[in-house]
Every structure is written in structure tokens, then in C-alpha cells.
Full PDB file with SEQRES, HELIX, SHEET, SSBOND, CRYST1, ORIGX, SCALE, CONECT and MASTER records, all heavy atoms in Angstrom:
SEQRES   1 A   32  GLU THR ALA ASN ASP PHE LYS SER ARG CYS THR ARG PRO          
SEQRES   2 A   32  HIS PRO PRO ASN PRO THR CYS LEU THR THR TYR TYR ASN          
SEQRES   3 A   32  GLN CYS ALA GLU PHE TYR                                      
HELIX    1 AA1 THR A    2  CYS A   10  1                                   9    
HELIX    2 AA2 THR A   22  PHE A   31  1                                  10    
CRYST1    1.000    1.000    1.000  90.00  90.00  90.00 P 1           1          
ORIGX1      1.000000  0.000000  0.000000        0.00000                         
ORIGX2      0.000000  1.000000  0.000000        0.00000                         
ORIGX3      0.000000  0.000000  1.000000        0.00000                         
SCALE1      1.000000  0.000000  0.000000        0.00000                         
SCALE2      0.000000  1.000000  0.000000        0.00000                         
SCALE3      0.000000  0.000000  1.000000        0.00000                         
ATOM      1  N   GLU A   1       0.826  -1.205   0.000  1.00  0.00           N  
ATOM      2  CA  GLU A   1       0.000   0.000   0.000  1.00  0.00           C  
ATOM      3  C   GLU A   1       0.864   1.260   0.000  1.00  0.00           C  
ATOM      4  O   GLU A   1       0.552   2.247  -0.671  1.00  0.00           O  
ATOM      5  CB  GLU A   1      -0.924   0.007   1.217  1.00  0.00           C  
ATOM      6  CG  GLU A   1      -1.847   1.204   1.274  1.00  0.00           C  
ATOM      7  CD  GLU A   1      -2.774   1.181   2.480  1.00  0.00           C  
ATOM      8  OE1 GLU A   1      -3.051   0.082   2.994  1.00  0.00           O  
ATOM      9  OE2 GLU A   1      -3.200   2.268   2.912  1.00  0.00           O  
ATOM     10  N   THR A   2       1.965   1.233   0.746  1.00  0.00           N  
ATOM     11  CA  THR A   2       2.882   2.379   0.763  1.00  0.00           C  
ATOM     12  C   THR A   2       3.459   2.636  -0.616  1.00  0.00           C  
ATOM     13  O   THR A   2       3.603   3.788  -1.051  1.00  0.00           O  
ATOM     14  CB  THR A   2       4.010   2.122   1.768  1.00  0.00           C  
ATOM     15  OG1 THR A   2       3.455   1.901   3.070  1.00  0.00           O  
ATOM     16  CG2 THR A   2       4.955   3.317   1.843  1.00  0.00           C  
ATOM     17  N   ALA A   3       3.808   1.554  -1.327  1.00  0.00           N  
ATOM     18  CA  ALA A   3       4.335   1.699  -2.686  1.00  0.00           C  
ATOM     19  C   ALA A   3       3.282   2.318  -3.608  1.00  0.00           C  
ATOM     20  O   ALA A   3       3.599   3.173  -4.449  1.00  0.00           O  
ATOM     21  CB  ALA A   3       4.772   0.332  -3.222  1.00  0.00           C  
ATOM     22  N   ASN A   4       2.013   1.925  -3.442  1.00  0.00           N  
ATOM     23  CA  ASN A   4       0.942   2.512  -4.256  1.00  0.00           C  
ATOM     24  C   ASN A   4       0.725   3.977  -3.915  1.00  0.00           C  
ATOM     25  O   ASN A   4       0.447   4.800  -4.798  1.00  0.00           O  
ATOM     26  CB  ASN A   4      -0.355   1.734  -4.031  1.00  0.00           C  
ATOM     27  CG  ASN A   4      -0.325   0.358  -4.657  1.00  0.00           C  
ATOM     28  OD1 ASN A   4       0.352   0.134  -5.656  1.00  0.00           O  
ATOM     29  ND2 ASN A   4      -1.058  -0.582  -4.072  1.00  0.00           N  
ATOM     30  N   ASP A   5       0.850   4.324  -2.625  1.00  0.00           N  
ATOM     31  CA  ASP A   5       0.750   5.733  -2.224  1.00  0.00           C  
ATOM     32  C   ASP A   5       1.832   6.565  -2.908  1.00  0.00           C  
ATOM     33  O   ASP A   5       1.570   7.662  -3.418  1.00  0.00           O  
ATOM     34  CB  ASP A   5       0.890   5.862  -0.702  1.00  0.00           C  
ATOM     35  CG  ASP A   5      -0.380   5.465   0.034  1.00  0.00           C  
ATOM     36  OD1 ASP A   5      -1.459   5.499  -0.588  1.00  0.00           O  
ATOM     37  OD2 ASP A   5      -0.286   5.114   1.227  1.00  0.00           O  
ATOM     38  N   PHE A   6       3.050   6.055  -2.904  1.00  0.00           N  
ATOM     39  CA  PHE A   6       4.164   6.778  -3.523  1.00  0.00           C  
ATOM     40  C   PHE A   6       3.905   6.992  -5.016  1.00  0.00           C  
ATOM     41  O   PHE A   6       4.091   8.085  -5.548  1.00  0.00           O  
ATOM     42  CB  PHE A   6       5.463   6.005  -3.325  1.00  0.00           C  
ATOM     43  CG  PHE A   6       6.646   6.619  -4.029  1.00  0.00           C  
ATOM     44  CD1 PHE A   6       7.342   7.666  -3.446  1.00  0.00           C  
ATOM     45  CD2 PHE A   6       7.036   6.156  -5.279  1.00  0.00           C  
ATOM     46  CE1 PHE A   6       8.429   8.245  -4.105  1.00  0.00           C  
ATOM     47  CE2 PHE A   6       8.114   6.725  -5.945  1.00  0.00           C  
ATOM     48  CZ  PHE A   6       8.811   7.772  -5.351  1.00  0.00           C  
ATOM     49  N   LYS A   7       3.431   5.945  -5.696  1.00  0.00           N  
ATOM     50  CA  LYS A   7       3.185   6.047  -7.137  1.00  0.00           C  
ATOM     51  C   LYS A   7       2.101   7.070  -7.433  1.00  0.00           C  
ATOM     52  O   LYS A   7       2.222   7.854  -8.387  1.00  0.00           O  
ATOM     53  CB  LYS A   7       2.778   4.674  -7.674  1.00  0.00           C  
ATOM     54  CG  LYS A   7       2.578   4.634  -9.179  1.00  0.00           C  
ATOM     55  CD  LYS A   7       2.251   3.227  -9.644  1.00  0.00           C  
ATOM     56  CE  LYS A   7       2.051   3.183 -11.158  1.00  0.00           C  
ATOM     57  NZ  LYS A   7       1.731   1.801 -11.621  1.00  0.00           N  
ATOM     58  N   SER A   8       1.052   7.092  -6.606  1.00  0.00           N  
ATOM     59  CA  SER A   8      -0.055   8.016  -6.849  1.00  0.00           C  
ATOM     60  C   SER A   8       0.335   9.463  -6.569  1.00  0.00           C  
ATOM     61  O   SER A   8      -0.129  10.386  -7.240  1.00  0.00           O  
ATOM     62  CB  SER A   8      -1.257   7.627  -5.977  1.00  0.00           C  
ATOM     63  OG  SER A   8      -1.762   6.358  -6.344  1.00  0.00           O  
ATOM     64  N   ARG A   9       1.205   9.684  -5.583  1.00  0.00           N  
ATOM     65  CA  ARG A   9       1.577  11.046  -5.205  1.00  0.00           C  
ATOM     66  C   ARG A   9       2.657  11.624  -6.102  1.00  0.00           C  
ATOM     67  O   ARG A   9       2.702  12.838  -6.322  1.00  0.00           O  
ATOM     68  CB  ARG A   9       2.076  11.060  -3.762  1.00  0.00           C  
ATOM     69  CG  ARG A   9       0.975  10.819  -2.729  1.00  0.00           C  
ATOM     70  CD  ARG A   9       1.553  10.636  -1.349  1.00  0.00           C  
ATOM     71  NE  ARG A   9       0.505  10.406  -0.350  1.00  0.00           N  
ATOM     72  CZ  ARG A   9       0.723  10.020   0.885  1.00  0.00           C  
ATOM     73  NH1 ARG A   9       1.971   9.820   1.299  1.00  0.00           N  
ATOM     74  NH2 ARG A   9      -0.285   9.822   1.719  1.00  0.00           N  
ATOM     75  N   CYS A  10       3.530  10.776  -6.600  1.00  0.00           N  
ATOM     76  CA  CYS A  10       4.723  11.271  -7.296  1.00  0.00           C  
ATOM     77  C   CYS A  10       4.679  11.109  -8.807  1.00  0.00           C  
ATOM     78  O   CYS A  10       5.611  11.513  -9.499  1.00  0.00           O  
ATOM     79  CB  CYS A  10       5.968  10.571  -6.750  1.00  0.00           C  
ATOM     80  SG  CYS A  10       6.227  10.845  -4.979  1.00  0.00           S  
ATOM     81  N   THR A  11       3.647  10.497  -9.354  1.00  0.00           N  
ATOM     82  CA  THR A  11       3.534  10.353 -10.799  1.00  0.00           C  
ATOM     83  C   THR A  11       2.137  10.761 -11.229  1.00  0.00           C  
ATOM     84  O   THR A  11       1.210  10.797 -10.423  1.00  0.00           O  
ATOM     85  CB  THR A  11       3.799   8.895 -11.240  1.00  0.00           C  
ATOM     86  OG1 THR A  11       2.784   8.041 -10.697  1.00  0.00           O  
ATOM     87  CG2 THR A  11       5.163   8.417 -10.772  1.00  0.00           C  
ATOM     88  N   ARG A  12       1.986  11.070 -12.483  1.00  0.00           N  
ATOM     89  CA  ARG A  12       0.699  11.446 -13.041  1.00  0.00           C  
ATOM     90  C   ARG A  12       0.454  10.648 -14.321  1.00  0.00           C  
ATOM     91  O   ARG A  12       1.326  10.572 -15.187  1.00  0.00           O  
ATOM     92  CB  ARG A  12       0.652  12.947 -13.366  1.00  0.00           C  
ATOM     93  CG  ARG A  12       0.531  13.819 -12.137  1.00  0.00           C  
ATOM     94  CD  ARG A  12      -0.867  13.718 -11.533  1.00  0.00           C  
ATOM     95  NE  ARG A  12      -1.019  14.543 -10.353  1.00  0.00           N  
ATOM     96  CZ  ARG A  12      -0.742  14.173  -9.121  1.00  0.00           C  
ATOM     97  NH1 ARG A  12      -0.280  12.943  -8.897  1.00  0.00           N  
ATOM     98  NH2 ARG A  12      -0.916  14.972  -8.098  1.00  0.00           N  
ATOM     99  N   PRO A  13      -0.741  10.081 -14.476  1.00  0.00           N  
ATOM    100  CA  PRO A  13      -1.062   9.372 -15.723  1.00  0.00           C  
ATOM    101  C   PRO A  13      -1.264  10.358 -16.858  1.00  0.00           C  
ATOM    102  O   PRO A  13      -1.628  11.516 -16.640  1.00  0.00           O  
ATOM    103  CB  PRO A  13      -2.361   8.640 -15.385  1.00  0.00           C  
ATOM    104  CG  PRO A  13      -2.992   9.476 -14.319  1.00  0.00           C  
ATOM    105  CD  PRO A  13      -1.857  10.041 -13.514  1.00  0.00           C  
ATOM    106  N   HIS A  14      -1.021   9.913 -18.077  1.00  0.00           N  
ATOM    107  CA  HIS A  14      -1.210  10.783 -19.235  1.00  0.00           C  
ATOM    108  C   HIS A  14      -2.671  10.699 -19.674  1.00  0.00           C  
ATOM    109  O   HIS A  14      -3.199   9.607 -19.885  1.00  0.00           O  
ATOM    110  CB  HIS A  14      -0.299  10.353 -20.386  1.00  0.00           C  
ATOM    111  CG  HIS A  14       1.149  10.525 -20.082  1.00  0.00           C  
ATOM    112  ND1 HIS A  14       1.755  11.763 -20.003  1.00  0.00           N  
ATOM    113  CD2 HIS A  14       2.117   9.614 -19.826  1.00  0.00           C  
ATOM    114  CE1 HIS A  14       3.040  11.612 -19.723  1.00  0.00           C  
ATOM    115  NE2 HIS A  14       3.281  10.311 -19.603  1.00  0.00           N  
ATOM    116  N   PRO A  15      -3.345  11.850 -19.823  1.00  0.00           N  
ATOM    117  CA  PRO A  15      -4.742  11.821 -20.299  1.00  0.00           C  
ATOM    118  C   PRO A  15      -4.782  11.346 -21.742  1.00  0.00           C  
ATOM    119  O   PRO A  15      -3.770  11.364 -22.448  1.00  0.00           O  
ATOM    120  CB  PRO A  15      -5.187  13.280 -20.165  1.00  0.00           C  
ATOM    121  CG  PRO A  15      -3.928  14.074 -20.233  1.00  0.00           C  
ATOM    122  CD  PRO A  15      -2.864  13.222 -19.591  1.00  0.00           C  
ATOM    123  N   PRO A  16      -5.944  10.907 -22.221  1.00  0.00           N  
ATOM    124  CA  PRO A  16      -6.064  10.451 -23.615  1.00  0.00           C  
ATOM    125  C   PRO A  16      -5.905  11.620 -24.579  1.00  0.00           C  
ATOM    126  O   PRO A  16      -5.655  12.754 -24.182  1.00  0.00           O  
ATOM    127  CB  PRO A  16      -7.476   9.855 -23.654  1.00  0.00           C  
ATOM    128  CG  PRO A  16      -8.217  10.577 -22.571  1.00  0.00           C  
ATOM    129  CD  PRO A  16      -7.204  10.818 -21.480  1.00  0.00           C  
ATOM    130  N   ASN A  17      -6.064  11.314 -25.830  1.00  0.00           N  
ATOM    131  CA  ASN A  17      -5.960  12.355 -26.855  1.00  0.00           C  
ATOM    132  C   ASN A  17      -6.888  13.524 -26.515  1.00  0.00           C  
ATOM    133  O   ASN A  17      -7.957  13.331 -25.927  1.00  0.00           O  
ATOM    134  CB  ASN A  17      -6.320  11.788 -28.230  1.00  0.00           C  
ATOM    135  CG  ASN A  17      -5.322  10.743 -28.679  1.00  0.00           C  
ATOM    136  OD1 ASN A  17      -4.144  10.810 -28.330  1.00  0.00           O  
ATOM    137  ND2 ASN A  17      -5.797   9.762 -29.449  1.00  0.00           N  
ATOM    138  N   PRO A  18      -6.503  14.748 -26.850  1.00  0.00           N  
ATOM    139  CA  PRO A  18      -7.272  15.932 -26.446  1.00  0.00           C  
ATOM    140  C   PRO A  18      -8.757  15.813 -26.790  1.00  0.00           C  
ATOM    141  O   PRO A  18      -9.126  15.481 -27.914  1.00  0.00           O  
ATOM    142  CB  PRO A  18      -6.608  17.070 -27.233  1.00  0.00           C  
ATOM    143  CG  PRO A  18      -5.209  16.585 -27.470  1.00  0.00           C  
ATOM    144  CD  PRO A  18      -5.323  15.103 -27.646  1.00  0.00           C  
ATOM    145  N   THR A  19      -9.593  16.069 -25.804  1.00  0.00           N  
ATOM    146  CA  THR A  19     -11.044  16.088 -25.988  1.00  0.00           C  
ATOM    147  C   THR A  19     -11.585  17.293 -25.219  1.00  0.00           C  
ATOM    148  O   THR A  19     -10.845  18.006 -24.534  1.00  0.00           O  
ATOM    149  CB  THR A  19     -11.714  14.810 -25.450  1.00  0.00           C  
ATOM    150  OG1 THR A  19     -11.627  14.823 -24.010  1.00  0.00           O  
ATOM    151  CG2 THR A  19     -11.036  13.562 -25.986  1.00  0.00           C  
ATOM    152  N   CYS A  20     -12.896  17.480 -25.299  1.00  0.00           N  
ATOM    153  CA  CYS A  20     -13.508  18.570 -24.549  1.00  0.00           C  
ATOM    154  C   CYS A  20     -13.467  18.303 -23.051  1.00  0.00           C  
ATOM    155  O   CYS A  20     -13.767  19.185 -22.245  1.00  0.00           O  
ATOM    156  CB  CYS A  20     -14.950  18.778 -25.014  1.00  0.00           C  
ATOM    157  SG  CYS A  20     -16.000  17.315 -24.786  1.00  0.00           S  
ATOM    158  N   LEU A  21     -13.108  17.080 -22.651  1.00  0.00           N  
ATOM    159  CA  LEU A  21     -13.082  16.713 -21.234  1.00  0.00           C  
ATOM    160  C   LEU A  21     -11.661  16.646 -20.674  1.00  0.00           C  
ATOM    161  O   LEU A  21     -11.450  16.122 -19.584  1.00  0.00           O  
ATOM    162  CB  LEU A  21     -13.762  15.351 -21.035  1.00  0.00           C  
ATOM    163  CG  LEU A  21     -15.224  15.259 -21.485  1.00  0.00           C  
ATOM    164  CD1 LEU A  21     -15.724  13.831 -21.357  1.00  0.00           C  
ATOM    165  CD2 LEU A  21     -16.091  16.196 -20.664  1.00  0.00           C  
ATOM    166  N   THR A  22     -10.686  17.174 -21.395  1.00  0.00           N  
ATOM    167  CA  THR A  22      -9.298  17.089 -20.950  1.00  0.00           C  
ATOM    168  C   THR A  22      -9.111  17.693 -19.563  1.00  0.00           C  
ATOM    169  O   THR A  22      -8.356  17.172 -18.736  1.00  0.00           O  
ATOM    170  CB  THR A  22      -8.371  17.806 -21.952  1.00  0.00           C  
ATOM    171  OG1 THR A  22      -8.480  17.159 -23.218  1.00  0.00           O  
ATOM    172  CG2 THR A  22      -6.920  17.745 -21.487  1.00  0.00           C  
ATOM    173  N   THR A  23      -9.817  18.804 -19.284  1.00  0.00           N  
ATOM    174  CA  THR A  23      -9.705  19.437 -17.959  1.00  0.00           C  
ATOM    175  C   THR A  23     -10.125  18.478 -16.865  1.00  0.00           C  
ATOM    176  O   THR A  23      -9.491  18.406 -15.805  1.00  0.00           O  
ATOM    177  CB  THR A  23     -10.583  20.699 -17.900  1.00  0.00           C  
ATOM    178  OG1 THR A  23     -10.142  21.609 -18.899  1.00  0.00           O  
ATOM    179  CG2 THR A  23     -10.467  21.358 -16.524  1.00  0.00           C  
ATOM    180  N   TYR A  24     -11.183  17.697 -17.110  1.00  0.00           N  
ATOM    181  CA  TYR A  24     -11.658  16.749 -16.109  1.00  0.00           C  
ATOM    182  C   TYR A  24     -10.651  15.619 -15.891  1.00  0.00           C  
ATOM    183  O   TYR A  24     -10.419  15.178 -14.768  1.00  0.00           O  
ATOM    184  CB  TYR A  24     -13.013  16.177 -16.516  1.00  0.00           C  
ATOM    185  CG  TYR A  24     -14.112  17.207 -16.547  1.00  0.00           C  
ATOM    186  CD1 TYR A  24     -14.591  17.709 -17.751  1.00  0.00           C  
ATOM    187  CD2 TYR A  24     -14.667  17.677 -15.365  1.00  0.00           C  
ATOM    188  CE1 TYR A  24     -15.601  18.656 -17.776  1.00  0.00           C  
ATOM    189  CE2 TYR A  24     -15.674  18.625 -15.370  1.00  0.00           C  
ATOM    190  CZ  TYR A  24     -16.131  19.111 -16.585  1.00  0.00           C  
ATOM    191  OH  TYR A  24     -17.127  20.053 -16.595  1.00  0.00           O  
ATOM    192  N   TYR A  25     -10.057  15.155 -16.977  1.00  0.00           N  
ATOM    193  CA  TYR A  25      -9.029  14.119 -16.842  1.00  0.00           C  
ATOM    194  C   TYR A  25      -7.877  14.621 -15.974  1.00  0.00           C  
ATOM    195  O   TYR A  25      -7.363  13.903 -15.103  1.00  0.00           O  
ATOM    196  CB  TYR A  25      -8.495  13.711 -18.214  1.00  0.00           C  
ATOM    197  CG  TYR A  25      -9.422  12.825 -19.009  1.00  0.00           C  
ATOM    198  CD1 TYR A  25     -10.158  13.336 -20.071  1.00  0.00           C  
ATOM    199  CD2 TYR A  25      -9.545  11.477 -18.712  1.00  0.00           C  
ATOM    200  CE1 TYR A  25     -10.997  12.528 -20.818  1.00  0.00           C  
ATOM    201  CE2 TYR A  25     -10.388  10.649 -19.439  1.00  0.00           C  
ATOM    202  CZ  TYR A  25     -11.122  11.185 -20.499  1.00  0.00           C  
ATOM    203  OH  TYR A  25     -11.954  10.366 -21.220  1.00  0.00           O  
ATOM    204  N   ASN A  26      -7.456  15.852 -16.208  1.00  0.00           N  
ATOM    205  CA  ASN A  26      -6.342  16.408 -15.432  1.00  0.00           C  
ATOM    206  C   ASN A  26      -6.716  16.573 -13.957  1.00  0.00           C  
ATOM    207  O   ASN A  26      -5.892  16.327 -13.065  1.00  0.00           O  
ATOM    208  CB  ASN A  26      -5.922  17.753 -16.022  1.00  0.00           C  
ATOM    209  CG  ASN A  26      -5.254  17.594 -17.381  1.00  0.00           C  
ATOM    210  OD1 ASN A  26      -4.643  16.562 -17.661  1.00  0.00           O  
ATOM    211  ND2 ASN A  26      -5.366  18.610 -18.232  1.00  0.00           N  
ATOM    212  N   GLN A  27      -7.953  16.999 -13.685  1.00  0.00           N  
ATOM    213  CA  GLN A  27      -8.389  17.120 -12.295  1.00  0.00           C  
ATOM    214  C   GLN A  27      -8.438  15.751 -11.613  1.00  0.00           C  
ATOM    215  O   GLN A  27      -8.027  15.616 -10.452  1.00  0.00           O  
ATOM    216  CB  GLN A  27      -9.764  17.779 -12.245  1.00  0.00           C  
ATOM    217  CG  GLN A  27      -9.743  19.260 -12.572  1.00  0.00           C  
ATOM    218  CD  GLN A  27     -11.144  19.865 -12.525  1.00  0.00           C  
ATOM    219  OE1 GLN A  27     -12.136  19.150 -12.567  1.00  0.00           O  
ATOM    220  NE2 GLN A  27     -11.205  21.185 -12.454  1.00  0.00           N  
ATOM    221  N   CYS A  28      -8.909  14.749 -12.322  1.00  0.00           N  
ATOM    222  CA  CYS A  28      -8.963  13.394 -11.758  1.00  0.00           C  
ATOM    223  C   CYS A  28      -7.563  12.878 -11.445  1.00  0.00           C  
ATOM    224  O   CYS A  28      -7.340  12.226 -10.423  1.00  0.00           O  
ATOM    225  CB  CYS A  28      -9.658  12.445 -12.727  1.00  0.00           C  
ATOM    226  SG  CYS A  28     -11.426  12.730 -12.884  1.00  0.00           S  
ATOM    227  N   ALA A  29      -6.610  13.169 -12.326  1.00  0.00           N  
ATOM    228  CA  ALA A  29      -5.237  12.729 -12.095  1.00  0.00           C  
ATOM    229  C   ALA A  29      -4.654  13.368 -10.842  1.00  0.00           C  
ATOM    230  O   ALA A  29      -3.796  12.792 -10.175  1.00  0.00           O  
ATOM    231  CB  ALA A  29      -4.373  13.059 -13.310  1.00  0.00           C  
ATOM    232  N   GLU A  30      -5.139  14.579 -10.508  1.00  0.00           N  
ATOM    233  CA  GLU A  30      -4.640  15.278  -9.323  1.00  0.00           C  
ATOM    234  C   GLU A  30      -5.294  14.769  -8.045  1.00  0.00           C  
ATOM    235  O   GLU A  30      -4.637  14.625  -7.013  1.00  0.00           O  
ATOM    236  CB  GLU A  30      -4.892  16.778  -9.475  1.00  0.00           C  
ATOM    237  CG  GLU A  30      -4.432  17.600  -8.277  1.00  0.00           C  
ATOM    238  CD  GLU A  30      -4.718  19.077  -8.454  1.00  0.00           C  
ATOM    239  OE1 GLU A  30      -5.193  19.473  -9.543  1.00  0.00           O  
ATOM    240  OE2 GLU A  30      -4.482  19.843  -7.484  1.00  0.00           O  
ATOM    241  N   PHE A  31      -6.584  14.447  -8.104  1.00  0.00           N  
ATOM    242  CA  PHE A  31      -7.338  14.128  -6.890  1.00  0.00           C  
ATOM    243  C   PHE A  31      -7.350  12.644  -6.536  1.00  0.00           C  
ATOM    244  O   PHE A  31      -7.387  12.284  -5.374  1.00  0.00           O  
ATOM    245  CB  PHE A  31      -8.785  14.621  -7.018  1.00  0.00           C  
ATOM    246  CG  PHE A  31      -8.906  16.113  -7.083  1.00  0.00           C  
ATOM    247  CD1 PHE A  31      -9.727  16.727  -8.014  1.00  0.00           C  
ATOM    248  CD2 PHE A  31      -8.183  16.916  -6.211  1.00  0.00           C  
ATOM    249  CE1 PHE A  31      -9.838  18.106  -8.075  1.00  0.00           C  
ATOM    250  CE2 PHE A  31      -8.289  18.298  -6.266  1.00  0.00           C  
ATOM    251  CZ  PHE A  31      -9.115  18.893  -7.205  1.00  0.00           C  
ATOM    252  N   TYR A  32      -7.347  11.784  -7.535  1.00  0.00           N  
ATOM    253  CA  TYR A  32      -7.544  10.356  -7.289  1.00  0.00           C  
ATOM    254  C   TYR A  32      -6.222   9.594  -7.260  1.00  0.00           C  
ATOM    255  O   TYR A  32      -5.218  10.031  -7.844  1.00  0.00           O  
ATOM    256  CB  TYR A  32      -8.438   9.745  -8.376  1.00  0.00           C  
ATOM    257  CG  TYR A  32      -9.877  10.198  -8.314  1.00  0.00           C  
ATOM    258  CD1 TYR A  32     -10.384  11.103  -9.246  1.00  0.00           C  
ATOM    259  CD2 TYR A  32     -10.741   9.716  -7.337  1.00  0.00           C  
ATOM    260  CE1 TYR A  32     -11.703  11.522  -9.202  1.00  0.00           C  
ATOM    261  CE2 TYR A  32     -12.064  10.114  -7.277  1.00  0.00           C  
ATOM    262  CZ  TYR A  32     -12.532  11.026  -8.210  1.00  0.00           C  
ATOM    263  OH  TYR A  32     -13.834  11.441  -8.158  1.00  0.00           O  
TER     264      TYR A  32                                                      
MASTER        0    0    0    2    0    0    0    6  263    1    0    3          
END                                                                             
């Protein structure tokens, strides 16, 4: 679980190809 915490805090997933929802993808990457 600690390793998963580190991965979530220190890395960010790449959102899919640009869409009208790109802002939401970026917010989700920050919060979740």
C-alpha cells in the first residue's frame, strides 16, 4: 500500500488524446 501511495503522489497518468473533457481528466489525475 505504501508503494501505491508513492506512485499516486509522485507520478501522473497521461490523459487520452485531447477532448472537450481534458480538464476533467487532469483534475482526476490530481485528486484520485
